Amino acid sequence: AIKGTDIADRSVQEMRKQGFLDEVKLAAWHAQMKSIF
């Protein structure tokens, strides 16, 4: 079992680790993922 919000949070963290640092896009994607997952 895992919460959808935790999945969204971790997804953003992993995207940052890949070197993506556009915080505006990450924030928008994070909001979308939280509403989907």
Full PDB file with SEQRES, HELIX, SHEET, SSBOND, CRYST1, ORIGX, SCALE, CONECT and MASTER records, all heavy atoms in Angstrom:
SEQRES   1 A   37  ALA ILE LYS GLY THR ASP ILE ALA ASP ARG SER VAL GLN          
SEQRES   2 A   37  GLU MET ARG LYS GLN GLY PHE LEU ASP GLU VAL LYS LEU          
SEQRES   3 A   37  ALA ALA TRP HIS ALA GLN MET LYS SER ILE PHE                  
HELIX    1 AA1 GLY A    4  LYS A   17  1                                  14    
HELIX    2 AA2 GLU A   23  ILE A   36  1                                  14    
CRYST1    1.000    1.000    1.000  90.00  90.00  90.00 P 1           1          
ORIGX1      1.000000  0.000000  0.000000        0.00000                         
ORIGX2      0.000000  1.000000  0.000000        0.00000                         
ORIGX3      0.000000  0.000000  1.000000        0.00000                         
SCALE1      1.000000  0.000000  0.000000        0.00000                         
SCALE2      0.000000  1.000000  0.000000        0.00000                         
SCALE3      0.000000  0.000000  1.000000        0.00000                         
ATOM      1  N   ALA A   1       0.842  -1.199   0.000  1.00  0.00           N  
ATOM      2  CA  ALA A   1       0.000   0.000   0.000  1.00  0.00           C  
ATOM      3  C   ALA A   1       0.878   1.250   0.000  1.00  0.00           C  
ATOM      4  O   ALA A   1       1.934   1.276   0.643  1.00  0.00           O  
ATOM      5  CB  ALA A   1      -0.900   0.010   1.238  1.00  0.00           C  
ATOM      6  N   ILE A   2       0.446   2.251  -0.755  1.00  0.00           N  
ATOM      7  CA  ILE A   2       1.154   3.531  -0.795  1.00  0.00           C  
ATOM      8  C   ILE A   2       0.167   4.621  -1.180  1.00  0.00           C  
ATOM      9  O   ILE A   2      -0.738   4.400  -1.984  1.00  0.00           O  
ATOM     10  CB  ILE A   2       2.354   3.481  -1.762  1.00  0.00           C  
ATOM     11  CG1 ILE A   2       3.172   4.761  -1.679  1.00  0.00           C  
ATOM     12  CG2 ILE A   2       1.898   3.231  -3.165  1.00  0.00           C  
ATOM     13  CD1 ILE A   2       4.498   4.673  -2.401  1.00  0.00           C  
ATOM     14  N   LYS A   3       0.359   5.803  -0.622  1.00  0.00           N  
ATOM     15  CA  LYS A   3      -0.530   6.927  -0.912  1.00  0.00           C  
ATOM     16  C   LYS A   3      -0.155   7.557  -2.254  1.00  0.00           C  
ATOM     17  O   LYS A   3       1.023   7.712  -2.581  1.00  0.00           O  
ATOM     18  CB  LYS A   3      -0.437   7.979   0.186  1.00  0.00           C  
ATOM     19  CG  LYS A   3      -0.971   7.514   1.504  1.00  0.00           C  
ATOM     20  CD  LYS A   3      -0.839   8.611   2.549  1.00  0.00           C  
ATOM     21  CE  LYS A   3      -1.349   8.110   3.890  1.00  0.00           C  
ATOM     22  NZ  LYS A   3      -1.154   9.127   4.932  1.00  0.00           N  
ATOM     23  N   GLY A   4      -1.169   7.970  -2.993  1.00  0.00           N  
ATOM     24  CA  GLY A   4      -0.945   8.622  -4.282  1.00  0.00           C  
ATOM     25  C   GLY A   4      -0.122   9.893  -4.154  1.00  0.00           C  
ATOM     26  O   GLY A   4       0.713  10.187  -5.014  1.00  0.00           O  
ATOM     27  N   THR A   5      -0.331  10.646  -3.093  1.00  0.00           N  
ATOM     28  CA  THR A   5       0.450  11.881  -2.907  1.00  0.00           C  
ATOM     29  C   THR A   5       1.923  11.571  -2.692  1.00  0.00           C  
ATOM     30  O   THR A   5       2.788  12.320  -3.142  1.00  0.00           O  
ATOM     31  CB  THR A   5      -0.096  12.715  -1.730  1.00  0.00           C  
ATOM     32  OG1 THR A   5      -0.114  11.909  -0.556  1.00  0.00           O  
ATOM     33  CG2 THR A   5      -1.486  13.239  -2.026  1.00  0.00           C  
ATOM     34  N   ASP A   6       2.216  10.448  -2.025  1.00  0.00           N  
ATOM     35  CA  ASP A   6       3.619  10.052  -1.854  1.00  0.00           C  
ATOM     36  C   ASP A   6       4.248   9.685  -3.188  1.00  0.00           C  
ATOM     37  O   ASP A   6       5.425   9.978  -3.436  1.00  0.00           O  
ATOM     38  CB  ASP A   6       3.732   8.876  -0.886  1.00  0.00           C  
ATOM     39  CG  ASP A   6       3.426   9.255   0.556  1.00  0.00           C  
ATOM     40  OD1 ASP A   6       3.458  10.458   0.878  1.00  0.00           O  
ATOM     41  OD2 ASP A   6       3.144   8.337   1.344  1.00  0.00           O  
ATOM     42  N   ILE A   7       3.478   9.061  -4.063  1.00  0.00           N  
ATOM     43  CA  ILE A   7       3.979   8.714  -5.394  1.00  0.00           C  
ATOM     44  C   ILE A   7       4.327   9.997  -6.159  1.00  0.00           C  
ATOM     45  O   ILE A   7       5.383  10.088  -6.786  1.00  0.00           O  
ATOM     46  CB  ILE A   7       2.950   7.871  -6.170  1.00  0.00           C  
ATOM     47  CG1 ILE A   7       2.723   6.529  -5.470  1.00  0.00           C  
ATOM     48  CG2 ILE A   7       3.421   7.641  -7.612  1.00  0.00           C  
ATOM     49  CD1 ILE A   7       1.533   5.752  -6.002  1.00  0.00           C  
ATOM     50  N   ALA A   8       3.445  10.985  -6.094  1.00  0.00           N  
ATOM     51  CA  ALA A   8       3.695  12.255  -6.779  1.00  0.00           C  
ATOM     52  C   ALA A   8       4.930  12.949  -6.210  1.00  0.00           C  
ATOM     53  O   ALA A   8       5.777  13.453  -6.961  1.00  0.00           O  
ATOM     54  CB  ALA A   8       2.472  13.158  -6.664  1.00  0.00           C  
ATOM     55  N   ASP A   9       5.042  12.971  -4.888  1.00  0.00           N  
ATOM     56  CA  ASP A   9       6.195  13.612  -4.240  1.00  0.00           C  
ATOM     57  C   ASP A   9       7.501  12.956  -4.670  1.00  0.00           C  
ATOM     58  O   ASP A   9       8.465  13.632  -5.036  1.00  0.00           O  
ATOM     59  CB  ASP A   9       6.075  13.521  -2.717  1.00  0.00           C  
ATOM     60  CG  ASP A   9       4.917  14.319  -2.135  1.00  0.00           C  
ATOM     61  OD1 ASP A   9       4.334  15.165  -2.850  1.00  0.00           O  
ATOM     62  OD2 ASP A   9       4.584  14.074  -0.950  1.00  0.00           O  
ATOM     63  N   ARG A  10       7.530  11.651  -4.654  1.00  0.00           N  
ATOM     64  CA  ARG A  10       8.748  10.917  -5.022  1.00  0.00           C  
ATOM     65  C   ARG A  10       9.075  11.080  -6.502  1.00  0.00           C  
ATOM     66  O   ARG A  10      10.248  11.130  -6.892  1.00  0.00           O  
ATOM     67  CB  ARG A  10       8.634   9.436  -4.680  1.00  0.00           C  
ATOM     68  CG  ARG A  10       8.366   9.142  -3.239  1.00  0.00           C  
ATOM     69  CD  ARG A  10       9.526   9.515  -2.344  1.00  0.00           C  
ATOM     70  NE  ARG A  10       9.238   9.085  -0.984  1.00  0.00           N  
ATOM     71  CZ  ARG A  10       9.602   9.759   0.088  1.00  0.00           C  
ATOM     72  NH1 ARG A  10      10.271  10.874  -0.027  1.00  0.00           N  
ATOM     73  NH2 ARG A  10       9.313   9.311   1.282  1.00  0.00           N  
ATOM     74  N   SER A  11       8.029  11.150  -7.326  1.00  0.00           N  
ATOM     75  CA  SER A  11       8.256  11.344  -8.764  1.00  0.00           C  
ATOM     76  C   SER A  11       9.009  12.634  -9.019  1.00  0.00           C  
ATOM     77  O   SER A  11       9.971  12.667  -9.794  1.00  0.00           O  
ATOM     78  CB  SER A  11       6.921  11.352  -9.514  1.00  0.00           C  
ATOM     79  OG  SER A  11       6.275  10.118  -9.418  1.00  0.00           O  
ATOM     80  N   VAL A  12       8.599  13.696  -8.372  1.00  0.00           N  
ATOM     81  CA  VAL A  12       9.269  14.991  -8.542  1.00  0.00           C  
ATOM     82  C   VAL A  12      10.710  14.918  -8.039  1.00  0.00           C  
ATOM     83  O   VAL A  12      11.628  15.437  -8.687  1.00  0.00           O  
ATOM     84  CB  VAL A  12       8.472  16.114  -7.836  1.00  0.00           C  
ATOM     85  CG1 VAL A  12       9.281  17.397  -7.758  1.00  0.00           C  
ATOM     86  CG2 VAL A  12       7.158  16.356  -8.566  1.00  0.00           C  
ATOM     87  N   GLN A  13      10.924  14.256  -6.923  1.00  0.00           N  
ATOM     88  CA  GLN A  13      12.284  14.119  -6.397  1.00  0.00           C  
ATOM     89  C   GLN A  13      13.181  13.380  -7.382  1.00  0.00           C  
ATOM     90  O   GLN A  13      14.329  13.770  -7.614  1.00  0.00           O  
ATOM     91  CB  GLN A  13      12.264  13.400  -5.047  1.00  0.00           C  
ATOM     92  CG  GLN A  13      11.667  14.223  -3.935  1.00  0.00           C  
ATOM     93  CD  GLN A  13      11.529  13.442  -2.639  1.00  0.00           C  
ATOM     94  OE1 GLN A  13      12.010  12.311  -2.510  1.00  0.00           O  
ATOM     95  NE2 GLN A  13      10.868  14.042  -1.669  1.00  0.00           N  
ATOM     96  N   GLU A  14      12.656  12.325  -7.972  1.00  0.00           N  
ATOM     97  CA  GLU A  14      13.439  11.551  -8.941  1.00  0.00           C  
ATOM     98  C   GLU A  14      13.710  12.361 -10.213  1.00  0.00           C  
ATOM     99  O   GLU A  14      14.778  12.243 -10.811  1.00  0.00           O  
ATOM    100  CB  GLU A  14      12.745  10.235  -9.279  1.00  0.00           C  
ATOM    101  CG  GLU A  14      12.808   9.209  -8.176  1.00  0.00           C  
ATOM    102  CD  GLU A  14      14.205   8.662  -7.944  1.00  0.00           C  
ATOM    103  OE1 GLU A  14      14.949   8.415  -8.915  1.00  0.00           O  
ATOM    104  OE2 GLU A  14      14.548   8.474  -6.759  1.00  0.00           O  
ATOM    105  N   MET A  15      12.752  13.172 -10.635  1.00  0.00           N  
ATOM    106  CA  MET A  15      12.966  14.024 -11.809  1.00  0.00           C  
ATOM    107  C   MET A  15      14.088  15.022 -11.543  1.00  0.00           C  
ATOM    108  O   MET A  15      14.912  15.284 -12.424  1.00  0.00           O  
ATOM    109  CB  MET A  15      11.669  14.738 -12.181  1.00  0.00           C  
ATOM    110  CG  MET A  15      10.624  13.825 -12.759  1.00  0.00           C  
ATOM    111  SD  MET A  15       9.076  14.739 -13.000  1.00  0.00           S  
ATOM    112  CE  MET A  15       8.107  13.528 -13.865  1.00  0.00           C  
ATOM    113  N   ARG A  16      14.126  15.578 -10.350  1.00  0.00           N  
ATOM    114  CA  ARG A  16      15.211  16.488  -9.981  1.00  0.00           C  
ATOM    115  C   ARG A  16      16.553  15.760 -10.035  1.00  0.00           C  
ATOM    116  O   ARG A  16      17.553  16.324 -10.486  1.00  0.00           O  
ATOM    117  CB  ARG A  16      14.994  17.043  -8.572  1.00  0.00           C  
ATOM    118  CG  ARG A  16      14.016  18.163  -8.492  1.00  0.00           C  
ATOM    119  CD  ARG A  16      14.018  18.787  -7.092  1.00  0.00           C  
ATOM    120  NE  ARG A  16      12.951  19.749  -6.979  1.00  0.00           N  
ATOM    121  CZ  ARG A  16      11.836  19.557  -6.279  1.00  0.00           C  
ATOM    122  NH1 ARG A  16      11.642  18.441  -5.591  1.00  0.00           N  
ATOM    123  NH2 ARG A  16      10.904  20.484  -6.245  1.00  0.00           N  
ATOM    124  N   LYS A  17      16.575  14.528  -9.560  1.00  0.00           N  
ATOM    125  CA  LYS A  17      17.823  13.764  -9.543  1.00  0.00           C  
ATOM    126  C   LYS A  17      18.334  13.469 -10.948  1.00  0.00           C  
ATOM    127  O   LYS A  17      19.522  13.220 -11.133  1.00  0.00           O  
ATOM    128  CB  LYS A  17      17.644  12.465  -8.764  1.00  0.00           C  
ATOM    129  CG  LYS A  17      17.549  12.704  -7.282  1.00  0.00           C  
ATOM    130  CD  LYS A  17      17.389  11.410  -6.537  1.00  0.00           C  
ATOM    131  CE  LYS A  17      17.284  11.705  -5.053  1.00  0.00           C  
ATOM    132  NZ  LYS A  17      17.121  10.486  -4.267  1.00  0.00           N  
ATOM    133  N   GLN A  18      17.438  13.503 -11.931  1.00  0.00           N  
ATOM    134  CA  GLN A  18      17.859  13.320 -13.322  1.00  0.00           C  
ATOM    135  C   GLN A  18      18.464  14.606 -13.875  1.00  0.00           C  
ATOM    136  O   GLN A  18      18.939  14.634 -14.997  1.00  0.00           O  
ATOM    137  CB  GLN A  18      16.670  12.908 -14.189  1.00  0.00           C  
ATOM    138  CG  GLN A  18      16.167  11.519 -13.913  1.00  0.00           C  
ATOM    139  CD  GLN A  18      14.985  11.175 -14.783  1.00  0.00           C  
ATOM    140  OE1 GLN A  18      15.047  11.308 -16.004  1.00  0.00           O  
ATOM    141  NE2 GLN A  18      13.901  10.747 -14.164  1.00  0.00           N  
ATOM    142  N   GLY A  19      18.395  15.685 -13.084  1.00  0.00           N  
ATOM    143  CA  GLY A  19      18.995  16.939 -13.491  1.00  0.00           C  
ATOM    144  C   GLY A  19      17.998  17.979 -13.963  1.00  0.00           C  
ATOM    145  O   GLY A  19      18.389  19.056 -14.407  1.00  0.00           O  
ATOM    146  N   PHE A  20      16.706  17.705 -13.876  1.00  0.00           N  
ATOM    147  CA  PHE A  20      15.695  18.670 -14.303  1.00  0.00           C  
ATOM    148  C   PHE A  20      15.413  19.626 -13.151  1.00  0.00           C  
ATOM    149  O   PHE A  20      14.972  19.208 -12.081  1.00  0.00           O  
ATOM    150  CB  PHE A  20      14.411  17.962 -14.733  1.00  0.00           C  
ATOM    151  CG  PHE A  20      13.432  18.883 -15.416  1.00  0.00           C  
ATOM    152  CD1 PHE A  20      13.615  19.244 -16.729  1.00  0.00           C  
ATOM    153  CD2 PHE A  20      12.350  19.392 -14.720  1.00  0.00           C  
ATOM    154  CE1 PHE A  20      12.732  20.097 -17.373  1.00  0.00           C  
ATOM    155  CE2 PHE A  20      11.451  20.241 -15.343  1.00  0.00           C  
ATOM    156  CZ  PHE A  20      11.648  20.594 -16.672  1.00  0.00           C  
ATOM    157  N   LEU A  21      15.673  20.908 -13.374  1.00  0.00           N  
ATOM    158  CA  LEU A  21      15.585  21.875 -12.282  1.00  0.00           C  
ATOM    159  C   LEU A  21      14.617  23.025 -12.537  1.00  0.00           C  
ATOM    160  O   LEU A  21      14.652  24.021 -11.815  1.00  0.00           O  
ATOM    161  CB  LEU A  21      16.982  22.431 -11.983  1.00  0.00           C  
ATOM    162  CG  LEU A  21      18.035  21.375 -11.607  1.00  0.00           C  
ATOM    163  CD1 LEU A  21      19.402  22.003 -11.446  1.00  0.00           C  
ATOM    164  CD2 LEU A  21      17.630  20.609 -10.369  1.00  0.00           C  
ATOM    165  N   ASP A  22      13.743  22.901 -13.528  1.00  0.00           N  
ATOM    166  CA  ASP A  22      12.745  23.941 -13.779  1.00  0.00           C  
ATOM    167  C   ASP A  22      11.634  23.788 -12.743  1.00  0.00           C  
ATOM    168  O   ASP A  22      10.700  23.015 -12.915  1.00  0.00           O  
ATOM    169  CB  ASP A  22      12.194  23.805 -15.197  1.00  0.00           C  
ATOM    170  CG  ASP A  22      11.215  24.898 -15.570  1.00  0.00           C  
ATOM    171  OD1 ASP A  22      10.573  25.491 -14.672  1.00  0.00           O  
ATOM    172  OD2 ASP A  22      11.069  25.166 -16.786  1.00  0.00           O  
ATOM    173  N   GLU A  23      11.751  24.542 -11.662  1.00  0.00           N  
ATOM    174  CA  GLU A  23      10.830  24.394 -10.535  1.00  0.00           C  
ATOM    175  C   GLU A  23       9.399  24.786 -10.881  1.00  0.00           C  
ATOM    176  O   GLU A  23       8.452  24.267 -10.283  1.00  0.00           O  
ATOM    177  CB  GLU A  23      11.329  25.184  -9.327  1.00  0.00           C  
ATOM    178  CG  GLU A  23      12.593  24.615  -8.711  1.00  0.00           C  
ATOM    179  CD  GLU A  23      12.447  23.185  -8.203  1.00  0.00           C  
ATOM    180  OE1 GLU A  23      11.364  22.826  -7.686  1.00  0.00           O  
ATOM    181  OE2 GLU A  23      13.416  22.416  -8.325  1.00  0.00           O  
ATOM    182  N   VAL A  24       9.207  25.662 -11.849  1.00  0.00           N  
ATOM    183  CA  VAL A  24       7.853  26.041 -12.255  1.00  0.00           C  
ATOM    184  C   VAL A  24       7.158  24.841 -12.907  1.00  0.00           C  
ATOM    185  O   VAL A  24       6.023  24.503 -12.563  1.00  0.00           O  
ATOM    186  CB  VAL A  24       7.875  27.261 -13.197  1.00  0.00           C  
ATOM    187  CG1 VAL A  24       6.489  27.554 -13.750  1.00  0.00           C  
ATOM    188  CG2 VAL A  24       8.428  28.475 -12.464  1.00  0.00           C  
ATOM    189  N   LYS A  25       7.858  24.182 -13.837  1.00  0.00           N  
ATOM    190  CA  LYS A  25       7.278  23.005 -14.484  1.00  0.00           C  
ATOM    191  C   LYS A  25       7.084  21.872 -13.478  1.00  0.00           C  
ATOM    192  O   LYS A  25       6.062  21.188 -13.491  1.00  0.00           O  
ATOM    193  CB  LYS A  25       8.152  22.513 -15.638  1.00  0.00           C  
ATOM    194  CG  LYS A  25       7.926  23.248 -16.923  1.00  0.00           C  
ATOM    195  CD  LYS A  25       8.626  22.544 -18.061  1.00  0.00           C  
ATOM    196  CE  LYS A  25       8.342  23.249 -19.368  1.00  0.00           C  
ATOM    197  NZ  LYS A  25       9.007  22.595 -20.504  1.00  0.00           N  
ATOM    198  N   LEU A  26       8.081  21.668 -12.617  1.00  0.00           N  
ATOM    199  CA  LEU A  26       7.963  20.606 -11.623  1.00  0.00           C  
ATOM    200  C   LEU A  26       6.758  20.826 -10.712  1.00  0.00           C  
ATOM    201  O   LEU A  26       6.041  19.882 -10.387  1.00  0.00           O  
ATOM    202  CB  LEU A  26       9.243  20.494 -10.791  1.00  0.00           C  
ATOM    203  CG  LEU A  26      10.442  19.850 -11.488  1.00  0.00           C  
ATOM    204  CD1 LEU A  26      11.695  19.999 -10.633  1.00  0.00           C  
ATOM    205  CD2 LEU A  26      10.185  18.385 -11.797  1.00  0.00           C  
ATOM    206  N   ALA A  27       6.527  22.063 -10.332  1.00  0.00           N  
ATOM    207  CA  ALA A  27       5.372  22.368  -9.467  1.00  0.00           C  
ATOM    208  C   ALA A  27       4.061  22.082 -10.196  1.00  0.00           C  
ATOM    209  O   ALA A  27       3.117  21.533  -9.615  1.00  0.00           O  
ATOM    210  CB  ALA A  27       5.426  23.818  -9.006  1.00  0.00           C  
ATOM    211  N   ALA A  28       3.986  22.435 -11.473  1.00  0.00           N  
ATOM    212  CA  ALA A  28       2.775  22.187 -12.256  1.00  0.00           C  
ATOM    213  C   ALA A  28       2.554  20.678 -12.416  1.00  0.00           C  
ATOM    214  O   ALA A  28       1.432  20.188 -12.239  1.00  0.00           O  
ATOM    215  CB  ALA A  28       2.868  22.864 -13.618  1.00  0.00           C  
ATOM    216  N   TRP A  29       3.608  19.947 -12.738  1.00  0.00           N  
ATOM    217  CA  TRP A  29       3.490  18.496 -12.896  1.00  0.00           C  
ATOM    218  C   TRP A  29       3.133  17.842 -11.565  1.00  0.00           C  
ATOM    219  O   TRP A  29       2.339  16.906 -11.524  1.00  0.00           O  
ATOM    220  CB  TRP A  29       4.779  17.894 -13.431  1.00  0.00           C  
ATOM    221  CG  TRP A  29       5.099  18.273 -14.849  1.00  0.00           C  
ATOM    222  CD1 TRP A  29       4.233  18.694 -15.821  1.00  0.00           C  
ATOM    223  CD2 TRP A  29       6.383  18.258 -15.459  1.00  0.00           C  
ATOM    224  NE1 TRP A  29       4.905  18.937 -16.981  1.00  0.00           N  
ATOM    225  CE2 TRP A  29       6.221  18.678 -16.796  1.00  0.00           C  
ATOM    226  CE3 TRP A  29       7.661  17.937 -15.013  1.00  0.00           C  
ATOM    227  CZ2 TRP A  29       7.296  18.765 -17.680  1.00  0.00           C  
ATOM    228  CZ3 TRP A  29       8.727  18.030 -15.885  1.00  0.00           C  
ATOM    229  CH2 TRP A  29       8.533  18.441 -17.215  1.00  0.00           C  
ATOM    230  N   HIS A  30       3.727  18.330 -10.490  1.00  0.00           N  
ATOM    231  CA  HIS A  30       3.452  17.778  -9.166  1.00  0.00           C  
ATOM    232  C   HIS A  30       1.965  17.904  -8.848  1.00  0.00           C  
ATOM    233  O   HIS A  30       1.342  16.942  -8.382  1.00  0.00           O  
ATOM    234  CB  HIS A  30       4.309  18.487  -8.116  1.00  0.00           C  
ATOM    235  CG  HIS A  30       4.196  17.905  -6.760  1.00  0.00           C  
ATOM    236  ND1 HIS A  30       3.710  18.626  -5.697  1.00  0.00           N  
ATOM    237  CD2 HIS A  30       4.502  16.668  -6.286  1.00  0.00           C  
ATOM    238  CE1 HIS A  30       3.730  17.859  -4.621  1.00  0.00           C  
ATOM    239  NE2 HIS A  30       4.202  16.668  -4.948  1.00  0.00           N  
ATOM    240  N   ALA A  31       1.401  19.064  -9.105  1.00  0.00           N  
ATOM    241  CA  ALA A  31      -0.034  19.268  -8.854  1.00  0.00           C  
ATOM    242  C   ALA A  31      -0.873  18.313  -9.705  1.00  0.00           C  
ATOM    243  O   ALA A  31      -1.852  17.736  -9.218  1.00  0.00           O  
ATOM    244  CB  ALA A  31      -0.415  20.720  -9.140  1.00  0.00           C  
ATOM    245  N   GLN A  32      -0.492  18.146 -10.965  1.00  0.00           N  
ATOM    246  CA  GLN A  32      -1.232  17.231 -11.841  1.00  0.00           C  
ATOM    247  C   GLN A  32      -1.115  15.789 -11.354  1.00  0.00           C  
ATOM    248  O   GLN A  32      -2.110  15.070 -11.305  1.00  0.00           O  
ATOM    249  CB  GLN A  32      -0.732  17.344 -13.284  1.00  0.00           C  
ATOM    250  CG  GLN A  32      -1.115  18.648 -13.961  1.00  0.00           C  
ATOM    251  CD  GLN A  32      -0.526  18.727 -15.351  1.00  0.00           C  
ATOM    252  OE1 GLN A  32       0.680  18.847 -15.532  1.00  0.00           O  
ATOM    253  NE2 GLN A  32      -1.395  18.645 -16.347  1.00  0.00           N  
ATOM    254  N   MET A  33       0.093  15.378 -11.001  1.00  0.00           N  
ATOM    255  CA  MET A  33       0.281  14.003 -10.539  1.00  0.00           C  
ATOM    256  C   MET A  33      -0.493  13.748  -9.248  1.00  0.00           C  
ATOM    257  O   MET A  33      -1.082  12.681  -9.081  1.00  0.00           O  
ATOM    258  CB  MET A  33       1.772  13.685 -10.355  1.00  0.00           C  
ATOM    259  CG  MET A  33       2.521  13.548 -11.664  1.00  0.00           C  
ATOM    260  SD  MET A  33       4.241  13.003 -11.477  1.00  0.00           S  
ATOM    261  CE  MET A  33       5.023  14.475 -10.806  1.00  0.00           C  
ATOM    262  N   LYS A  34      -0.501  14.713  -8.347  1.00  0.00           N  
ATOM    263  CA  LYS A  34      -1.247  14.542  -7.093  1.00  0.00           C  
ATOM    264  C   LYS A  34      -2.736  14.349  -7.363  1.00  0.00           C  
ATOM    265  O   LYS A  34      -3.412  13.621  -6.638  1.00  0.00           O  
ATOM    266  CB  LYS A  34      -1.018  15.735  -6.166  1.00  0.00           C  
ATOM    267  CG  LYS A  34       0.315  15.670  -5.460  1.00  0.00           C  
ATOM    268  CD  LYS A  34       0.681  16.870  -4.610  1.00  0.00           C  
ATOM    269  CE  LYS A  34      -0.417  17.571  -3.917  1.00  0.00           C  
ATOM    270  NZ  LYS A  34       0.024  18.701  -3.083  1.00  0.00           N  
ATOM    271  N   SER A  35      -3.239  14.986  -8.405  1.00  0.00           N  
ATOM    272  CA  SER A  35      -4.663  14.832  -8.716  1.00  0.00           C  
ATOM    273  C   SER A  35      -4.960  13.538  -9.486  1.00  0.00           C  
ATOM    274  O   SER A  35      -6.097  13.091  -9.518  1.00  0.00           O  
ATOM    275  CB  SER A  35      -5.172  16.038  -9.509  1.00  0.00           C  
ATOM    276  OG  SER A  35      -4.667  16.038 -10.821  1.00  0.00           O  
ATOM    277  N   ILE A  36      -3.942  12.936 -10.085  1.00  0.00           N  
ATOM    278  CA  ILE A  36      -4.119  11.726 -10.895  1.00  0.00           C  
ATOM    279  C   ILE A  36      -3.824  10.456 -10.107  1.00  0.00           C  
ATOM    280  O   ILE A  36      -4.593   9.501 -10.165  1.00  0.00           O  
ATOM    281  CB  ILE A  36      -3.211  11.768 -12.149  1.00  0.00           C  
ATOM    282  CG1 ILE A  36      -3.661  12.876 -13.105  1.00  0.00           C  
ATOM    283  CG2 ILE A  36      -3.200  10.416 -12.856  1.00  0.00           C  
ATOM    284  CD1 ILE A  36      -2.686  13.126 -14.250  1.00  0.00           C  
ATOM    285  N   PHE A  37      -2.729  10.422  -9.392  1.00  0.00           N  
ATOM    286  CA  PHE A  37      -2.260   9.181  -8.782  1.00  0.00           C  
ATOM    287  C   PHE A  37      -3.147   8.775  -7.608  1.00  0.00           C  
ATOM    288  O   PHE A  37      -3.252   9.487  -6.620  1.00  0.00           O  
ATOM    289  CB  PHE A  37      -0.824   9.320  -8.293  1.00  0.00           C  
ATOM    290  CG  PHE A  37       0.203   9.566  -9.365  1.00  0.00           C  
ATOM    291  CD1 PHE A  37       1.472   9.953  -9.030  1.00  0.00           C  
ATOM    292  CD2 PHE A  37      -0.089   9.409 -10.710  1.00  0.00           C  
ATOM    293  CE1 PHE A  37       2.444  10.185  -9.998  1.00  0.00           C  
ATOM    294  CE2 PHE A  37       0.857   9.636 -11.699  1.00  0.00           C  
ATOM    295  CZ  PHE A  37       2.131  10.021 -11.331  1.00  0.00           C  
TER     296      PHE A  37                                                      
MASTER        0    0    0    2    0    0    0    6  295    1    0    3          
END                                                                             
